[in-house]
Structures are given as structure tokens and as C-alpha cells.
Amino acid sequence: MRRNKKYKWYKIADTESELNFPSNNLLQIEVAGKNICIAKGKELYACTAKCPHAGGIIADGFIDQSDVVTCPLHRYKFCLQNGRNISGEGYYLKTYPVQITSDGVFIGIEETGLLSWLK
């Protein structure tokens, strides 16, 4: 039986325009003690800040028109919708859900721990 993931939602901005993206549309922030990369493509995406291959800083890479992010270290490519490695190396980039509401921009961090399934 597959359990549903439960998230704790963290507000990162009042509006999307409040996020100051550099020219590569990738921004590294800290949320709940985790370094996270926010990517501005066709929509907003969130993923872990480091490449799973060799720890390259994703925010120093670039995003293309297909919402694929490329690590600056070894040019590994990841789909921002699901984190799958599309350049063939078999790695997976952890992604986080993003919600934009009238209350602000939120990142969902999965609740973990022994009793998290009770919530």
C-alpha cells in the first residue's frame, strides 16, 4: 500500500515578483534548514541545491526553454517537473512542490519522522 506524502508548507515570498532571480533564472534559498534551488521556467520549480552526481551548485547552472536544468559542473541535465536525469547518467534530482496562492509563494517539504504518518 502506497502512502500519501504529507507536506509542511513554507512561505518564501509574498509574490513571485518578490523573488529576485538572476539572469539564469535560478535562485538558491534556505527553507526549513535545507538549501533549495528555485527555478523560473514556464512555472516555478524547486529542487535540491546540489547535483546528486558531484555536488555542483544547481543555481550556478542554467535552465532551458523545456524546463530542463543543467548542472554547471559536468553538464548533467534534469527535468524540473519530476527530477529525472535526461542526459543518461541515471541520477535523480530531488524536487519539491511549489504553490502560488493569494497568500504568497510556498514550498512543500515532506514531513518525515517516526510519527509523521499519523498527521
N, C-alpha and C. Protein backbone atom coordinates (compact mmCIF):
# COMPACT_ATOMS: atom_id res chain seq x y z
N MET A 1 0.84 -1.18 0.00
CA MET A 1 0.00 0.00 0.00
C MET A 1 0.88 1.24 0.00
N ARG A 2 0.63 2.14 -0.89
CA ARG A 2 1.42 3.36 -1.02
C ARG A 2 0.79 4.46 -0.15
N ARG A 3 1.62 5.10 0.63
CA ARG A 3 1.11 6.17 1.49
C ARG A 3 1.19 7.50 0.76
N ASN A 4 0.28 8.39 1.11
CA ASN A 4 0.30 9.73 0.54
C ASN A 4 1.35 10.56 1.26
N LYS A 5 2.06 11.36 0.50
CA LYS A 5 3.06 12.24 1.10
C LYS A 5 2.35 13.40 1.76
N LYS A 6 2.85 13.80 2.92
CA LYS A 6 2.32 14.96 3.63
C LYS A 6 3.40 16.01 3.68
N TYR A 7 3.02 17.24 3.40
CA TYR A 7 3.97 18.33 3.32
C TYR A 7 3.68 19.39 4.37
N LYS A 8 4.74 20.00 4.82
CA LYS A 8 4.62 21.23 5.59
C LYS A 8 4.98 22.34 4.62
N TRP A 9 4.15 23.36 4.54
CA TRP A 9 4.32 24.41 3.54
C TRP A 9 5.01 25.62 4.16
N TYR A 10 6.05 26.10 3.48
CA TYR A 10 6.84 27.23 3.94
C TYR A 10 6.71 28.38 2.95
N LYS A 11 6.36 29.53 3.47
CA LYS A 11 6.23 30.71 2.62
C LYS A 11 7.61 31.26 2.33
N ILE A 12 7.90 31.47 1.03
CA ILE A 12 9.21 32.02 0.64
C ILE A 12 9.12 33.43 0.10
N ALA A 13 7.91 33.88 -0.24
CA ALA A 13 7.73 35.24 -0.76
C ALA A 13 6.24 35.59 -0.74
N ASP A 14 5.95 36.88 -0.71
CA ASP A 14 4.56 37.33 -0.80
C ASP A 14 4.02 37.17 -2.22
N THR A 15 4.89 37.43 -3.20
CA THR A 15 4.53 37.29 -4.61
C THR A 15 5.72 36.72 -5.38
N GLU A 16 5.45 36.18 -6.56
CA GLU A 16 6.53 35.65 -7.40
C GLU A 16 7.51 36.75 -7.80
N SER A 17 7.00 37.95 -8.04
CA SER A 17 7.88 39.05 -8.46
C SER A 17 8.83 39.49 -7.34
N GLU A 18 8.53 39.12 -6.11
CA GLU A 18 9.41 39.45 -4.98
C GLU A 18 10.70 38.62 -5.00
N LEU A 19 10.69 37.49 -5.69
CA LEU A 19 11.88 36.65 -5.80
C LEU A 19 12.82 37.32 -6.81
N ASN A 20 14.01 37.64 -6.40
CA ASN A 20 14.96 38.35 -7.26
C ASN A 20 15.84 37.36 -8.01
N PHE A 21 15.33 36.89 -9.14
CA PHE A 21 16.07 35.91 -9.94
C PHE A 21 17.21 36.59 -10.70
N PRO A 22 18.39 35.97 -10.70
CA PRO A 22 19.46 36.47 -11.57
C PRO A 22 19.15 36.12 -13.03
N SER A 23 20.03 36.47 -13.94
CA SER A 23 19.79 36.28 -15.37
C SER A 23 19.59 34.82 -15.78
N ASN A 24 20.12 33.86 -15.00
CA ASN A 24 19.95 32.44 -15.36
C ASN A 24 18.66 31.85 -14.81
N ASN A 25 17.83 32.65 -14.12
CA ASN A 25 16.54 32.23 -13.58
C ASN A 25 16.63 31.09 -12.56
N LEU A 26 17.76 31.00 -11.87
CA LEU A 26 17.96 30.01 -10.81
C LEU A 26 18.42 30.74 -9.55
N LEU A 27 17.76 30.45 -8.44
CA LEU A 27 18.00 31.16 -7.20
C LEU A 27 18.11 30.16 -6.05
N GLN A 28 19.17 30.26 -5.26
CA GLN A 28 19.32 29.36 -4.12
C GLN A 28 18.83 30.07 -2.86
N ILE A 29 17.98 29.36 -2.09
CA ILE A 29 17.47 29.89 -0.83
C ILE A 29 17.56 28.80 0.23
N GLU A 30 17.34 29.17 1.48
CA GLU A 30 17.27 28.19 2.56
C GLU A 30 15.84 28.14 3.06
N VAL A 31 15.30 26.92 3.15
CA VAL A 31 13.94 26.69 3.64
C VAL A 31 14.00 25.55 4.64
N ALA A 32 13.55 25.80 5.85
CA ALA A 32 13.50 24.76 6.89
C ALA A 32 14.85 24.06 7.06
N GLY A 33 15.93 24.83 6.98
CA GLY A 33 17.27 24.27 7.16
C GLY A 33 17.82 23.54 5.96
N LYS A 34 17.10 23.58 4.84
CA LYS A 34 17.55 22.91 3.61
C LYS A 34 17.90 23.97 2.56
N ASN A 35 18.99 23.74 1.85
CA ASN A 35 19.32 24.59 0.71
C ASN A 35 18.54 24.10 -0.49
N ILE A 36 17.77 25.02 -1.08
CA ILE A 36 16.87 24.67 -2.17
C ILE A 36 17.11 25.64 -3.33
N CYS A 37 17.03 25.12 -4.53
CA CYS A 37 17.14 25.94 -5.74
C CYS A 37 15.73 26.18 -6.27
N ILE A 38 15.40 27.45 -6.48
CA ILE A 38 14.14 27.83 -7.10
C ILE A 38 14.45 28.16 -8.56
N ALA A 39 13.68 27.57 -9.46
CA ALA A 39 13.90 27.76 -10.89
C ALA A 39 12.67 28.41 -11.51
N LYS A 40 12.90 29.42 -12.32
CA LYS A 40 11.81 30.10 -13.01
C LYS A 40 11.84 29.71 -14.48
N GLY A 41 10.96 28.79 -14.83
CA GLY A 41 10.80 28.36 -16.21
C GLY A 41 9.41 28.75 -16.67
N LYS A 42 8.70 27.81 -17.28
CA LYS A 42 7.31 28.05 -17.65
C LYS A 42 6.47 28.27 -16.41
N GLU A 43 6.92 27.69 -15.31
CA GLU A 43 6.33 27.91 -13.99
C GLU A 43 7.47 27.88 -12.98
N LEU A 44 7.15 28.01 -11.70
CA LEU A 44 8.20 27.94 -10.67
C LEU A 44 8.40 26.50 -10.25
N TYR A 45 9.65 26.13 -10.09
CA TYR A 45 10.03 24.79 -9.63
C TYR A 45 10.98 24.93 -8.45
N ALA A 46 11.07 23.87 -7.66
CA ALA A 46 12.02 23.84 -6.55
C ALA A 46 12.69 22.47 -6.54
N CYS A 47 14.00 22.48 -6.31
CA CYS A 47 14.76 21.23 -6.25
C CYS A 47 15.89 21.40 -5.25
N THR A 48 16.55 20.30 -4.95
CA THR A 48 17.70 20.37 -4.07
C THR A 48 18.76 21.27 -4.69
N ALA A 49 19.56 21.89 -3.85
CA ALA A 49 20.52 22.89 -4.34
C ALA A 49 21.76 22.29 -4.99
N LYS A 50 22.06 21.00 -4.70
CA LYS A 50 23.27 20.39 -5.24
C LYS A 50 22.94 19.22 -6.16
N CYS A 51 23.75 19.09 -7.18
CA CYS A 51 23.61 17.98 -8.12
C CYS A 51 23.92 16.67 -7.39
N PRO A 52 23.12 15.62 -7.60
CA PRO A 52 23.37 14.35 -6.92
C PRO A 52 24.63 13.62 -7.41
N HIS A 53 25.19 14.04 -8.53
CA HIS A 53 26.38 13.38 -9.05
C HIS A 53 27.64 13.78 -8.29
N ALA A 54 27.96 15.07 -8.29
CA ALA A 54 29.22 15.50 -7.67
C ALA A 54 29.06 16.78 -6.85
N GLY A 55 27.81 17.13 -6.53
CA GLY A 55 27.58 18.27 -5.65
C GLY A 55 27.68 19.64 -6.30
N GLY A 56 27.61 19.71 -7.61
CA GLY A 56 27.62 21.02 -8.28
C GLY A 56 26.43 21.85 -7.82
N ILE A 57 26.61 23.14 -7.73
CA ILE A 57 25.55 24.05 -7.29
C ILE A 57 24.59 24.30 -8.46
N ILE A 58 23.38 23.78 -8.35
CA ILE A 58 22.40 23.88 -9.43
C ILE A 58 22.11 25.34 -9.79
N ALA A 59 22.06 26.23 -8.81
CA ALA A 59 21.76 27.65 -9.08
C ALA A 59 22.84 28.31 -9.92
N ASP A 60 24.01 27.69 -10.06
CA ASP A 60 25.07 28.22 -10.93
C ASP A 60 24.97 27.67 -12.35
N GLY A 61 23.99 26.80 -12.59
CA GLY A 61 23.80 26.21 -13.91
C GLY A 61 22.89 27.06 -14.78
N PHE A 62 22.13 26.40 -15.64
CA PHE A 62 21.19 27.13 -16.47
C PHE A 62 19.97 26.28 -16.77
N ILE A 63 18.89 26.95 -17.10
CA ILE A 63 17.62 26.30 -17.41
C ILE A 63 17.27 26.62 -18.86
N ASP A 64 16.75 25.62 -19.60
CA ASP A 64 16.41 25.87 -21.00
C ASP A 64 14.90 26.07 -21.16
N GLN A 65 14.45 26.23 -22.39
CA GLN A 65 13.03 26.51 -22.67
C GLN A 65 12.14 25.31 -22.42
N SER A 66 12.72 24.13 -22.24
CA SER A 66 11.94 22.92 -21.94
C SER A 66 11.88 22.64 -20.45
N ASP A 67 12.30 23.60 -19.63
CA ASP A 67 12.35 23.45 -18.17
C ASP A 67 13.27 22.30 -17.75
N VAL A 68 14.41 22.25 -18.41
CA VAL A 68 15.49 21.31 -18.06
C VAL A 68 16.62 22.14 -17.48
N VAL A 69 17.09 21.72 -16.30
CA VAL A 69 18.20 22.43 -15.66
C VAL A 69 19.48 21.64 -15.90
N THR A 70 20.56 22.35 -16.15
CA THR A 70 21.85 21.73 -16.41
C THR A 70 22.82 22.12 -15.31
N CYS A 71 23.42 21.10 -14.69
CA CYS A 71 24.42 21.34 -13.65
C CYS A 71 25.66 21.97 -14.29
N PRO A 72 26.24 22.98 -13.65
CA PRO A 72 27.40 23.64 -14.24
C PRO A 72 28.69 22.81 -14.17
N LEU A 73 28.72 21.81 -13.30
CA LEU A 73 29.95 21.06 -13.08
C LEU A 73 30.27 20.08 -14.21
N HIS A 74 29.35 19.17 -14.51
CA HIS A 74 29.59 18.15 -15.54
C HIS A 74 28.50 18.11 -16.61
N ARG A 75 27.63 19.12 -16.60
CA ARG A 75 26.58 19.28 -17.61
C ARG A 75 25.52 18.19 -17.57
N TYR A 76 25.28 17.59 -16.41
CA TYR A 76 24.18 16.63 -16.29
C TYR A 76 22.88 17.42 -16.35
N LYS A 77 21.86 16.85 -17.01
CA LYS A 77 20.60 17.55 -17.24
C LYS A 77 19.47 16.86 -16.48
N PHE A 78 18.58 17.67 -15.89
CA PHE A 78 17.47 17.16 -15.10
C PHE A 78 16.18 17.87 -15.47
N CYS A 79 15.11 17.11 -15.59
CA CYS A 79 13.78 17.64 -15.84
C CYS A 79 13.26 18.22 -14.51
N LEU A 80 12.87 19.48 -14.53
CA LEU A 80 12.42 20.12 -13.29
C LEU A 80 11.03 19.67 -12.85
N GLN A 81 10.23 19.12 -13.75
CA GLN A 81 8.90 18.64 -13.37
C GLN A 81 8.97 17.43 -12.45
N ASN A 82 9.95 16.55 -12.67
CA ASN A 82 9.99 15.30 -11.89
C ASN A 82 11.38 14.93 -11.37
N GLY A 83 12.41 15.69 -11.70
CA GLY A 83 13.75 15.43 -11.20
C GLY A 83 14.53 14.37 -11.95
N ARG A 84 13.95 13.79 -12.99
CA ARG A 84 14.64 12.72 -13.73
C ARG A 84 15.83 13.26 -14.52
N ASN A 85 16.88 12.49 -14.48
CA ASN A 85 18.08 12.80 -15.26
C ASN A 85 17.79 12.45 -16.72
N ILE A 86 17.94 13.42 -17.61
CA ILE A 86 17.61 13.16 -19.02
C ILE A 86 18.85 13.07 -19.90
N SER A 87 20.04 13.21 -19.30
CA SER A 87 21.25 13.10 -20.11
C SER A 87 21.85 11.69 -20.03
N GLY A 88 21.16 10.76 -19.36
CA GLY A 88 21.52 9.35 -19.42
C GLY A 88 22.38 8.78 -18.32
N GLU A 89 22.71 9.56 -17.30
CA GLU A 89 23.61 9.05 -16.26
C GLU A 89 22.88 8.28 -15.16
N GLY A 90 21.56 8.42 -15.06
CA GLY A 90 20.78 7.64 -14.11
C GLY A 90 20.60 8.27 -12.73
N TYR A 91 20.94 9.52 -12.58
CA TYR A 91 20.77 10.19 -11.29
C TYR A 91 19.35 10.78 -11.19
N TYR A 92 18.99 11.20 -9.99
CA TYR A 92 17.68 11.79 -9.74
C TYR A 92 17.86 13.03 -8.89
N LEU A 93 17.29 14.15 -9.31
CA LEU A 93 17.36 15.41 -8.59
C LEU A 93 16.08 15.55 -7.75
N LYS A 94 16.22 15.64 -6.44
CA LYS A 94 15.04 15.76 -5.58
C LYS A 94 14.31 17.06 -5.88
N THR A 95 13.01 16.96 -6.06
CA THR A 95 12.18 18.13 -6.32
C THR A 95 11.21 18.35 -5.16
N TYR A 96 10.73 19.58 -5.06
CA TYR A 96 9.77 19.97 -4.03
C TYR A 96 8.59 20.65 -4.71
N PRO A 97 7.37 20.43 -4.20
CA PRO A 97 6.23 21.11 -4.80
C PRO A 97 6.22 22.60 -4.48
N VAL A 98 5.71 23.38 -5.41
CA VAL A 98 5.59 24.84 -5.25
C VAL A 98 4.12 25.19 -5.44
N GLN A 99 3.61 26.04 -4.55
CA GLN A 99 2.24 26.53 -4.68
C GLN A 99 2.27 28.05 -4.66
N ILE A 100 1.52 28.65 -5.57
CA ILE A 100 1.37 30.10 -5.58
C ILE A 100 -0.11 30.39 -5.32
N THR A 101 -0.37 31.09 -4.24
CA THR A 101 -1.74 31.44 -3.87
C THR A 101 -1.81 32.94 -3.63
N SER A 102 -2.99 33.42 -3.29
CA SER A 102 -3.14 34.84 -2.96
C SER A 102 -2.39 35.19 -1.68
N ASP A 103 -2.04 34.18 -0.87
CA ASP A 103 -1.29 34.41 0.37
C ASP A 103 0.22 34.43 0.16
N GLY A 104 0.70 33.98 -1.01
CA GLY A 104 2.13 34.01 -1.27
C GLY A 104 2.63 32.81 -2.06
N VAL A 105 3.94 32.67 -2.08
CA VAL A 105 4.62 31.56 -2.76
C VAL A 105 5.12 30.60 -1.68
N PHE A 106 4.78 29.32 -1.83
CA PHE A 106 5.09 28.33 -0.81
C PHE A 106 5.85 27.14 -1.39
N ILE A 107 6.77 26.59 -0.59
CA ILE A 107 7.49 25.36 -0.92
C ILE A 107 7.04 24.28 0.05
N GLY A 108 6.75 23.09 -0.45
CA GLY A 108 6.33 21.98 0.39
C GLY A 108 7.52 21.09 0.72
N ILE A 109 7.76 20.89 2.01
CA ILE A 109 8.81 19.98 2.48
C ILE A 109 8.11 18.77 3.09
N GLU A 110 8.46 17.59 2.61
CA GLU A 110 7.82 16.37 3.08
C GLU A 110 8.08 16.17 4.57
N GLU A 111 7.02 15.89 5.29
CA GLU A 111 7.15 15.60 6.72
C GLU A 111 7.71 14.19 6.87
N THR A 112 8.73 14.08 7.68
CA THR A 112 9.37 12.77 7.91
C THR A 112 9.46 12.53 9.40
N GLY A 113 9.80 11.35 9.75
CA GLY A 113 9.95 11.00 11.15
C GLY A 113 9.04 9.84 11.50
N LEU A 114 9.26 9.29 12.64
CA LEU A 114 8.57 8.09 13.08
C LEU A 114 7.05 8.25 13.10
N LEU A 115 6.55 9.38 13.55
CA LEU A 115 5.12 9.55 13.69
C LEU A 115 4.49 10.45 12.63
N SER A 116 5.22 10.78 11.59
CA SER A 116 4.70 11.71 10.57
C SER A 116 3.48 11.13 9.83
N TRP A 117 3.38 9.82 9.76
CA TRP A 117 2.27 9.19 9.07
C TRP A 117 0.95 9.37 9.82
N LEU A 118 1.00 9.75 11.10
CA LEU A 118 -0.22 9.95 11.88
C LEU A 118 -0.89 11.28 11.59
N LYS A 119 -0.17 12.22 11.05
CA LYS A 119 -0.71 13.57 10.83
C LYS A 119 -1.68 13.61 9.67
